[in-house]
């Protein structure tokens, strides 16, 4: 069975950096990738676009990509989007031996000890940590001690076991951010080649950001 990679975020809006990362992870791990928008991230302000609108943007953006899909469970659940709850649900739905991996940036991974019941996550999934040239975040001693024996650079280690490993994945560096795109849209400028063409082609897709102040 292919690994299942979970790529969470607000996707407010989804942009080419998100999609490129998802594609490269799918290719490197020979995996299915689910983009999973969060309703209310515990450590971030509420998104500008509604939950329903962000799902619609994601679905439009990945049309025709056979290994990418959208999973809206965190939006349907309501309340803060705790990764632990999501992984427990997925484990109950999938075969016990299927590999699940969380895909996240190195800065987010460095903050893992602030997450809800973070040590329990290793028993439910692998971590695939996105790295870029000349960029890196220092992990705390607490996190380093937890992951020292879990590190691997062999993608087969992710495929062969259901959870528990930490793998760094070097991705194409695209310096694109959702906040910068929101500012471009609010200023009435063209976001072309920063967001998927399908969103640019449909004015309604990006409309919430043209009247937003953040």
C-alpha atoms as a PDB file:
ATOM      1  CA  UNK A   1       0.000   0.000   0.000  1.00  0.00           C
ATOM      2  CA  UNK A   2       1.139   3.504  -0.759  1.00  0.00           C
ATOM      3  CA  UNK A   3       1.939   5.695   2.241  1.00  0.00           C
ATOM      4  CA  UNK A   4      -0.648   8.329   3.082  1.00  0.00           C
ATOM      5  CA  UNK A   5       0.866  11.781   3.528  1.00  0.00           C
ATOM      6  CA  UNK A   6      -1.151  14.370   5.465  1.00  0.00           C
ATOM      7  CA  UNK A   7      -0.373  17.982   4.552  1.00  0.00           C
ATOM      8  CA  UNK A   8      -2.203  20.372   6.840  1.00  0.00           C
ATOM      9  CA  UNK A   9      -2.520  24.136   6.857  1.00  0.00           C
ATOM     10  CA  UNK A  10      -4.976  26.967   6.493  1.00  0.00           C
ATOM     11  CA  UNK A  11      -4.432  27.248   2.706  1.00  0.00           C
ATOM     12  CA  UNK A  12      -5.671  30.830   2.925  1.00  0.00           C
ATOM     13  CA  UNK A  13      -5.264  30.911  -0.070  1.00  0.00           C
ATOM     14  CA  UNK A  14      -3.618  27.797  -1.498  1.00  0.00           C
ATOM     15  CA  UNK A  15      -0.606  28.774  -3.624  1.00  0.00           C
ATOM     16  CA  UNK A  16       1.980  27.208  -5.915  1.00  0.00           C
ATOM     17  CA  UNK A  17       4.392  26.614  -3.028  1.00  0.00           C
ATOM     18  CA  UNK A  18       1.835  24.382  -1.310  1.00  0.00           C
ATOM     19  CA  UNK A  19       1.128  22.431  -4.465  1.00  0.00           C
ATOM     20  CA  UNK A  20       4.761  21.967  -5.427  1.00  0.00           C
ATOM     21  CA  UNK A  21       5.581  20.589  -1.973  1.00  0.00           C
ATOM     22  CA  UNK A  22       2.635  18.179  -2.146  1.00  0.00           C
ATOM     23  CA  UNK A  23       3.685  16.970  -5.583  1.00  0.00           C
ATOM     24  CA  UNK A  24       7.334  16.458  -4.638  1.00  0.00           C
ATOM     25  CA  UNK A  25       6.386  14.533  -1.486  1.00  0.00           C
ATOM     26  CA  UNK A  26       4.061  12.320  -3.528  1.00  0.00           C
ATOM     27  CA  UNK A  27       6.805  11.574  -6.047  1.00  0.00           C
ATOM     28  CA  UNK A  28       9.591  11.018  -3.525  1.00  0.00           C
ATOM     29  CA  UNK A  29       7.595   8.681  -1.290  1.00  0.00           C
ATOM     30  CA  UNK A  30       5.350   7.190  -4.006  1.00  0.00           C
ATOM     31  CA  UNK A  31       2.504   8.315  -1.772  1.00  0.00           C
ATOM     32  CA  UNK A  32      -1.038   9.608  -1.789  1.00  0.00           C
ATOM     33  CA  UNK A  33      -1.168  13.134  -0.371  1.00  0.00           C
ATOM     34  CA  UNK A  34      -4.210  14.583   1.353  1.00  0.00           C
ATOM     35  CA  UNK A  35      -4.316  18.346   1.723  1.00  0.00           C
ATOM     36  CA  UNK A  36      -6.151  18.950   4.975  1.00  0.00           C
ATOM     37  CA  UNK A  37      -7.351  22.491   5.704  1.00  0.00           C
ATOM     38  CA  UNK A  38      -7.643  23.456   9.357  1.00  0.00           C
ATOM     39  CA  UNK A  39     -10.675  25.272  10.767  1.00  0.00           C
ATOM     40  CA  UNK A  40      -9.075  27.077  13.714  1.00  0.00           C
ATOM     41  CA  UNK A  41      -5.326  26.430  14.066  1.00  0.00           C
ATOM     42  CA  UNK A  42      -4.478  26.639  17.793  1.00  0.00           C
ATOM     43  CA  UNK A  43      -1.400  28.856  17.201  1.00  0.00           C
ATOM     44  CA  UNK A  44      -2.631  31.194  14.418  1.00  0.00           C
ATOM     45  CA  UNK A  45      -5.322  33.824  13.730  1.00  0.00           C
ATOM     46  CA  UNK A  46      -8.564  32.702  12.117  1.00  0.00           C
ATOM     47  CA  UNK A  47      -8.414  32.391   8.303  1.00  0.00           C
ATOM     48  CA  UNK A  48      -9.808  35.146   6.066  1.00  0.00           C
ATOM     49  CA  UNK A  49     -11.785  32.817   3.788  1.00  0.00           C
ATOM     50  CA  UNK A  50     -14.514  30.534   5.101  1.00  0.00           C
ATOM     51  CA  UNK A  51     -13.948  26.827   5.542  1.00  0.00           C
ATOM     52  CA  UNK A  52     -16.191  26.037   2.590  1.00  0.00           C
ATOM     53  CA  UNK A  53     -14.384  28.493   0.352  1.00  0.00           C
ATOM     54  CA  UNK A  54     -10.943  27.152   1.206  1.00  0.00           C
ATOM     55  CA  UNK A  55     -12.098  23.616   0.374  1.00  0.00           C
ATOM     56  CA  UNK A  56     -13.486  24.850  -2.952  1.00  0.00           C
ATOM     57  CA  UNK A  57     -10.167  26.539  -3.790  1.00  0.00           C
ATOM     58  CA  UNK A  58      -8.185  23.412  -2.954  1.00  0.00           C
ATOM     59  CA  UNK A  59     -10.405  21.162  -5.025  1.00  0.00           C
ATOM     60  CA  UNK A  60     -10.170  23.524  -7.984  1.00  0.00           C
ATOM     61  CA  UNK A  61      -6.399  23.809  -7.616  1.00  0.00           C
ATOM     62  CA  UNK A  62      -5.684  20.059  -7.695  1.00  0.00           C
ATOM     63  CA  UNK A  63      -8.098  19.009 -10.432  1.00  0.00           C
ATOM     64  CA  UNK A  64      -6.496  16.298 -12.552  1.00  0.00           C
ATOM     65  CA  UNK A  65      -3.801  15.353 -10.000  1.00  0.00           C
ATOM     66  CA  UNK A  66      -4.394  11.673  -9.311  1.00  0.00           C
ATOM     67  CA  UNK A  67      -2.238  11.398  -6.167  1.00  0.00           C
ATOM     68  CA  UNK A  68      -3.509  14.589  -4.494  1.00  0.00           C
ATOM     69  CA  UNK A  69      -6.856  14.912  -2.749  1.00  0.00           C
ATOM     70  CA  UNK A  70      -8.631  17.124  -0.214  1.00  0.00           C
ATOM     71  CA  UNK A  71      -9.696  15.881   3.220  1.00  0.00           C
ATOM     72  CA  UNK A  72     -12.047  18.293   5.003  1.00  0.00           C
ATOM     73  CA  UNK A  73     -12.483  16.342   8.248  1.00  0.00           C
ATOM     74  CA  UNK A  74     -10.958  19.036  10.465  1.00  0.00           C
ATOM     75  CA  UNK A  75     -13.417  21.595   9.107  1.00  0.00           C
ATOM     76  CA  UNK A  76     -16.352  19.277   9.750  1.00  0.00           C
ATOM     77  CA  UNK A  77     -15.170  18.443  13.255  1.00  0.00           C
ATOM     78  CA  UNK A  78     -15.207  22.036  14.473  1.00  0.00           C
ATOM     79  CA  UNK A  79     -13.186  23.566  17.285  1.00  0.00           C
ATOM     80  CA  UNK A  80      -9.378  23.723  17.340  1.00  0.00           C
ATOM     81  CA  UNK A  81      -7.655  21.478  14.795  1.00  0.00           C
ATOM     82  CA  UNK A  82      -5.528  19.145  16.898  1.00  0.00           C
ATOM     83  CA  UNK A  83      -3.345  16.854  14.813  1.00  0.00           C
ATOM     84  CA  UNK A  84      -3.657  14.105  17.409  1.00  0.00           C
ATOM     85  CA  UNK A  85      -7.421  13.852  16.880  1.00  0.00           C
ATOM     86  CA  UNK A  86      -6.984  13.681  13.116  1.00  0.00           C
ATOM     87  CA  UNK A  87      -4.401  10.905  13.294  1.00  0.00           C
ATOM     88  CA  UNK A  88      -6.492   8.869  15.709  1.00  0.00           C
ATOM     89  CA  UNK A  89      -9.402   9.071  13.251  1.00  0.00           C
ATOM     90  CA  UNK A  90      -7.213   8.076  10.305  1.00  0.00           C
ATOM     91  CA  UNK A  91      -5.717   5.136  12.195  1.00  0.00           C
ATOM     92  CA  UNK A  92      -9.229   3.864  12.930  1.00  0.00           C
ATOM     93  CA  UNK A  93     -10.138   4.058   9.230  1.00  0.00           C
ATOM     94  CA  UNK A  94      -7.006   2.635   7.584  1.00  0.00           C
ATOM     95  CA  UNK A  95      -5.284  -0.755   7.741  1.00  0.00           C
ATOM     96  CA  UNK A  96      -3.004  -0.899  10.771  1.00  0.00           C
ATOM     97  CA  UNK A  97       0.083  -1.553   8.648  1.00  0.00           C
ATOM     98  CA  UNK A  98      -0.419   1.402   6.285  1.00  0.00           C
ATOM     99  CA  UNK A  99       2.180   4.138   6.627  1.00  0.00           C
ATOM    100  CA  UNK A 100       0.921   7.592   7.561  1.00  0.00           C
ATOM    101  CA  UNK A 101       3.237  10.603   7.426  1.00  0.00           C
ATOM    102  CA  UNK A 102       2.769  14.202   8.472  1.00  0.00           C
ATOM    103  CA  UNK A 103       4.294  16.692   6.057  1.00  0.00           C
ATOM    104  CA  UNK A 104       5.381  19.966   7.633  1.00  0.00           C
ATOM    105  CA  UNK A 105       8.006  22.681   7.440  1.00  0.00           C
ATOM    106  CA  UNK A 106      11.120  22.617   9.576  1.00  0.00           C
ATOM    107  CA  UNK A 107       9.988  25.685  11.511  1.00  0.00           C
ATOM    108  CA  UNK A 108       6.696  24.000  12.414  1.00  0.00           C
ATOM    109  CA  UNK A 109       8.544  20.815  13.329  1.00  0.00           C
ATOM    110  CA  UNK A 110      10.887  22.766  15.625  1.00  0.00           C
ATOM    111  CA  UNK A 111       7.790  23.933  17.512  1.00  0.00           C
ATOM    112  CA  UNK A 112       6.432  20.404  17.940  1.00  0.00           C
ATOM    113  CA  UNK A 113       6.870  20.359  21.741  1.00  0.00           C
ATOM    114  CA  UNK A 114       4.172  23.064  21.960  1.00  0.00           C
ATOM    115  CA  UNK A 115       1.623  20.796  20.232  1.00  0.00           C
ATOM    116  CA  UNK A 116      -1.114  18.938  22.085  1.00  0.00           C
ATOM    117  CA  UNK A 117       0.255  15.573  23.373  1.00  0.00           C
ATOM    118  CA  UNK A 118       3.084  15.810  20.862  1.00  0.00           C
ATOM    119  CA  UNK A 119       4.957  12.688  21.920  1.00  0.00           C
ATOM    120  CA  UNK A 120       1.881  10.559  21.194  1.00  0.00           C
ATOM    121  CA  UNK A 121       2.052  11.611  17.529  1.00  0.00           C
ATOM    122  CA  UNK A 122       5.090   9.399  16.872  1.00  0.00           C
ATOM    123  CA  UNK A 123       3.017   6.321  17.637  1.00  0.00           C
ATOM    124  CA  UNK A 124       0.505   7.313  14.980  1.00  0.00           C
ATOM    125  CA  UNK A 125       2.566   8.690  12.086  1.00  0.00           C
ATOM    126  CA  UNK A 126       5.958   9.458  10.618  1.00  0.00           C
ATOM    127  CA  UNK A 127       7.180  13.023  10.192  1.00  0.00           C
ATOM    128  CA  UNK A 128       8.448  14.253   6.825  1.00  0.00           C
ATOM    129  CA  UNK A 129      10.145  17.583   7.447  1.00  0.00           C
ATOM    130  CA  UNK A 130      10.530  20.008   4.560  1.00  0.00           C
ATOM    131  CA  UNK A 131      13.957  21.570   4.214  1.00  0.00           C
ATOM    132  CA  UNK A 132      15.305  24.270   1.910  1.00  0.00           C
ATOM    133  CA  UNK A 133      18.875  25.343   1.054  1.00  0.00           C
ATOM    134  CA  UNK A 134      20.378  27.842   3.515  1.00  0.00           C
ATOM    135  CA  UNK A 135      17.340  27.601   5.739  1.00  0.00           C
ATOM    136  CA  UNK A 136      16.829  25.658   8.915  1.00  0.00           C
ATOM    137  CA  UNK A 137      15.320  25.797  12.370  1.00  0.00           C
ATOM    138  CA  UNK A 138      17.070  24.600  15.498  1.00  0.00           C
ATOM    139  CA  UNK A 139      15.203  21.973  17.485  1.00  0.00           C
ATOM    140  CA  UNK A 140      15.159  22.028  21.249  1.00  0.00           C
ATOM    141  CA  UNK A 141      17.046  19.537  23.346  1.00  0.00           C
ATOM    142  CA  UNK A 142      13.740  17.984  24.350  1.00  0.00           C
ATOM    143  CA  UNK A 143      12.717  17.374  20.740  1.00  0.00           C
ATOM    144  CA  UNK A 144      16.202  16.313  19.670  1.00  0.00           C
ATOM    145  CA  UNK A 145      16.270  13.652  22.376  1.00  0.00           C
ATOM    146  CA  UNK A 146      12.914  12.304  21.213  1.00  0.00           C
ATOM    147  CA  UNK A 147      13.859  12.044  17.535  1.00  0.00           C
ATOM    148  CA  UNK A 148      17.543  11.042  17.743  1.00  0.00           C
ATOM    149  CA  UNK A 149      16.811   7.346  17.205  1.00  0.00           C
ATOM    150  CA  UNK A 150      13.960   8.022  14.784  1.00  0.00           C
ATOM    151  CA  UNK A 151      15.862   9.899  12.064  1.00  0.00           C
ATOM    152  CA  UNK A 152      16.245   8.328   8.631  1.00  0.00           C
ATOM    153  CA  UNK A 153      17.093   9.441   5.113  1.00  0.00           C
ATOM    154  CA  UNK A 154      15.729   6.283   3.507  1.00  0.00           C
ATOM    155  CA  UNK A 155      12.249   6.680   2.025  1.00  0.00           C
ATOM    156  CA  UNK A 156      11.803   2.914   2.285  1.00  0.00           C
ATOM    157  CA  UNK A 157      11.802   3.275   6.070  1.00  0.00           C
ATOM    158  CA  UNK A 158       8.672   5.370   5.715  1.00  0.00           C
ATOM    159  CA  UNK A 159       7.021   2.853   3.410  1.00  0.00           C
ATOM    160  CA  UNK A 160       7.898  -0.254   5.465  1.00  0.00           C
ATOM    161  CA  UNK A 161       6.482   0.784   8.846  1.00  0.00           C
ATOM    162  CA  UNK A 162       3.291   2.576   9.861  1.00  0.00           C
ATOM    163  CA  UNK A 163       4.778   5.316  12.072  1.00  0.00           C
ATOM    164  CA  UNK A 164       7.615   6.623  14.204  1.00  0.00           C
ATOM    165  CA  UNK A 165      10.324   7.832  11.789  1.00  0.00           C
ATOM    166  CA  UNK A 166      11.550  11.360  10.992  1.00  0.00           C
ATOM    167  CA  UNK A 167      12.782  12.055   7.456  1.00  0.00           C
ATOM    168  CA  UNK A 168      14.039  15.344   6.015  1.00  0.00           C
ATOM    169  CA  UNK A 169      12.842  16.096   2.490  1.00  0.00           C
ATOM    170  CA  UNK A 170      14.667  18.742   0.463  1.00  0.00           C
ATOM    171  CA  UNK A 171      12.134  20.566  -1.719  1.00  0.00           C
ATOM    172  CA  UNK A 172      12.322  23.159  -4.460  1.00  0.00           C
ATOM    173  CA  UNK A 173      12.663  26.551  -2.744  1.00  0.00           C
ATOM    174  CA  UNK A 174       9.695  28.731  -3.728  1.00  0.00           C
ATOM    175  CA  UNK A 175       9.550  31.858  -1.594  1.00  0.00           C
ATOM    176  CA  UNK A 176       5.789  32.248  -1.700  1.00  0.00           C
ATOM    177  CA  UNK A 177       3.575  33.001   1.286  1.00  0.00           C
ATOM    178  CA  UNK A 178      -0.178  33.191   1.717  1.00  0.00           C
ATOM    179  CA  UNK A 179       0.151  36.454   3.673  1.00  0.00           C
ATOM    180  CA  UNK A 180       2.052  38.093   0.800  1.00  0.00           C
ATOM    181  CA  UNK A 181      -0.584  36.896  -1.679  1.00  0.00           C
ATOM    182  CA  UNK A 182      -3.365  38.282   0.530  1.00  0.00           C
ATOM    183  CA  UNK A 183      -1.587  41.658   0.522  1.00  0.00           C
ATOM    184  CA  UNK A 184      -1.249  41.573  -3.274  1.00  0.00           C
ATOM    185  CA  UNK A 185      -4.946  40.825  -3.683  1.00  0.00           C
ATOM    186  CA  UNK A 186      -6.030  43.448  -1.139  1.00  0.00           C
ATOM    187  CA  UNK A 187      -3.998  46.020  -3.080  1.00  0.00           C
ATOM    188  CA  UNK A 188      -5.811  45.098  -6.289  1.00  0.00           C
ATOM    189  CA  UNK A 189      -2.747  43.602  -7.903  1.00  0.00           C
ATOM    190  CA  UNK A 190      -2.481  40.456 -10.060  1.00  0.00           C
ATOM    191  CA  UNK A 191      -1.487  37.230  -8.199  1.00  0.00           C
ATOM    192  CA  UNK A 192      -0.771  35.379 -11.452  1.00  0.00           C
ATOM    193  CA  UNK A 193       1.936  32.669 -11.200  1.00  0.00           C
ATOM    194  CA  UNK A 194       1.760  32.741  -7.400  1.00  0.00           C
ATOM    195  CA  UNK A 195      -1.544  30.890  -7.164  1.00  0.00           C
ATOM    196  CA  UNK A 196      -2.867  28.140  -9.465  1.00  0.00           C
ATOM    197  CA  UNK A 197      -4.124  29.335 -12.843  1.00  0.00           C
ATOM    198  CA  UNK A 198      -7.526  27.815 -12.118  1.00  0.00           C
ATOM    199  CA  UNK A 199      -8.026  30.265  -9.250  1.00  0.00           C
ATOM    200  CA  UNK A 200      -6.917  33.258 -11.309  1.00  0.00           C
ATOM    201  CA  UNK A 201      -9.331  32.248 -14.057  1.00  0.00           C
ATOM    202  CA  UNK A 202     -12.305  32.249 -11.673  1.00  0.00           C
ATOM    203  CA  UNK A 203     -12.698  35.661 -10.043  1.00  0.00           C
ATOM    204  CA  UNK A 204     -14.933  34.266  -7.307  1.00  0.00           C
ATOM    205  CA  UNK A 205     -12.181  32.001  -6.021  1.00  0.00           C
ATOM    206  CA  UNK A 206      -9.973  34.856  -4.803  1.00  0.00           C
ATOM    207  CA  UNK A 207     -12.725  37.410  -4.096  1.00  0.00           C
ATOM    208  CA  UNK A 208     -12.581  37.147  -0.250  1.00  0.00           C
ATOM    209  CA  UNK A 209      -9.026  38.455  -0.220  1.00  0.00           C
ATOM    210  CA  UNK A 210      -9.650  41.506  -2.393  1.00  0.00           C
ATOM    211  CA  UNK A 211     -11.704  43.153   0.350  1.00  0.00           C
ATOM    212  CA  UNK A 212      -9.741  41.878   3.357  1.00  0.00           C
ATOM    213  CA  UNK A 213      -7.473  44.071   5.482  1.00  0.00           C
ATOM    214  CA  UNK A 214      -5.157  41.215   6.502  1.00  0.00           C
END
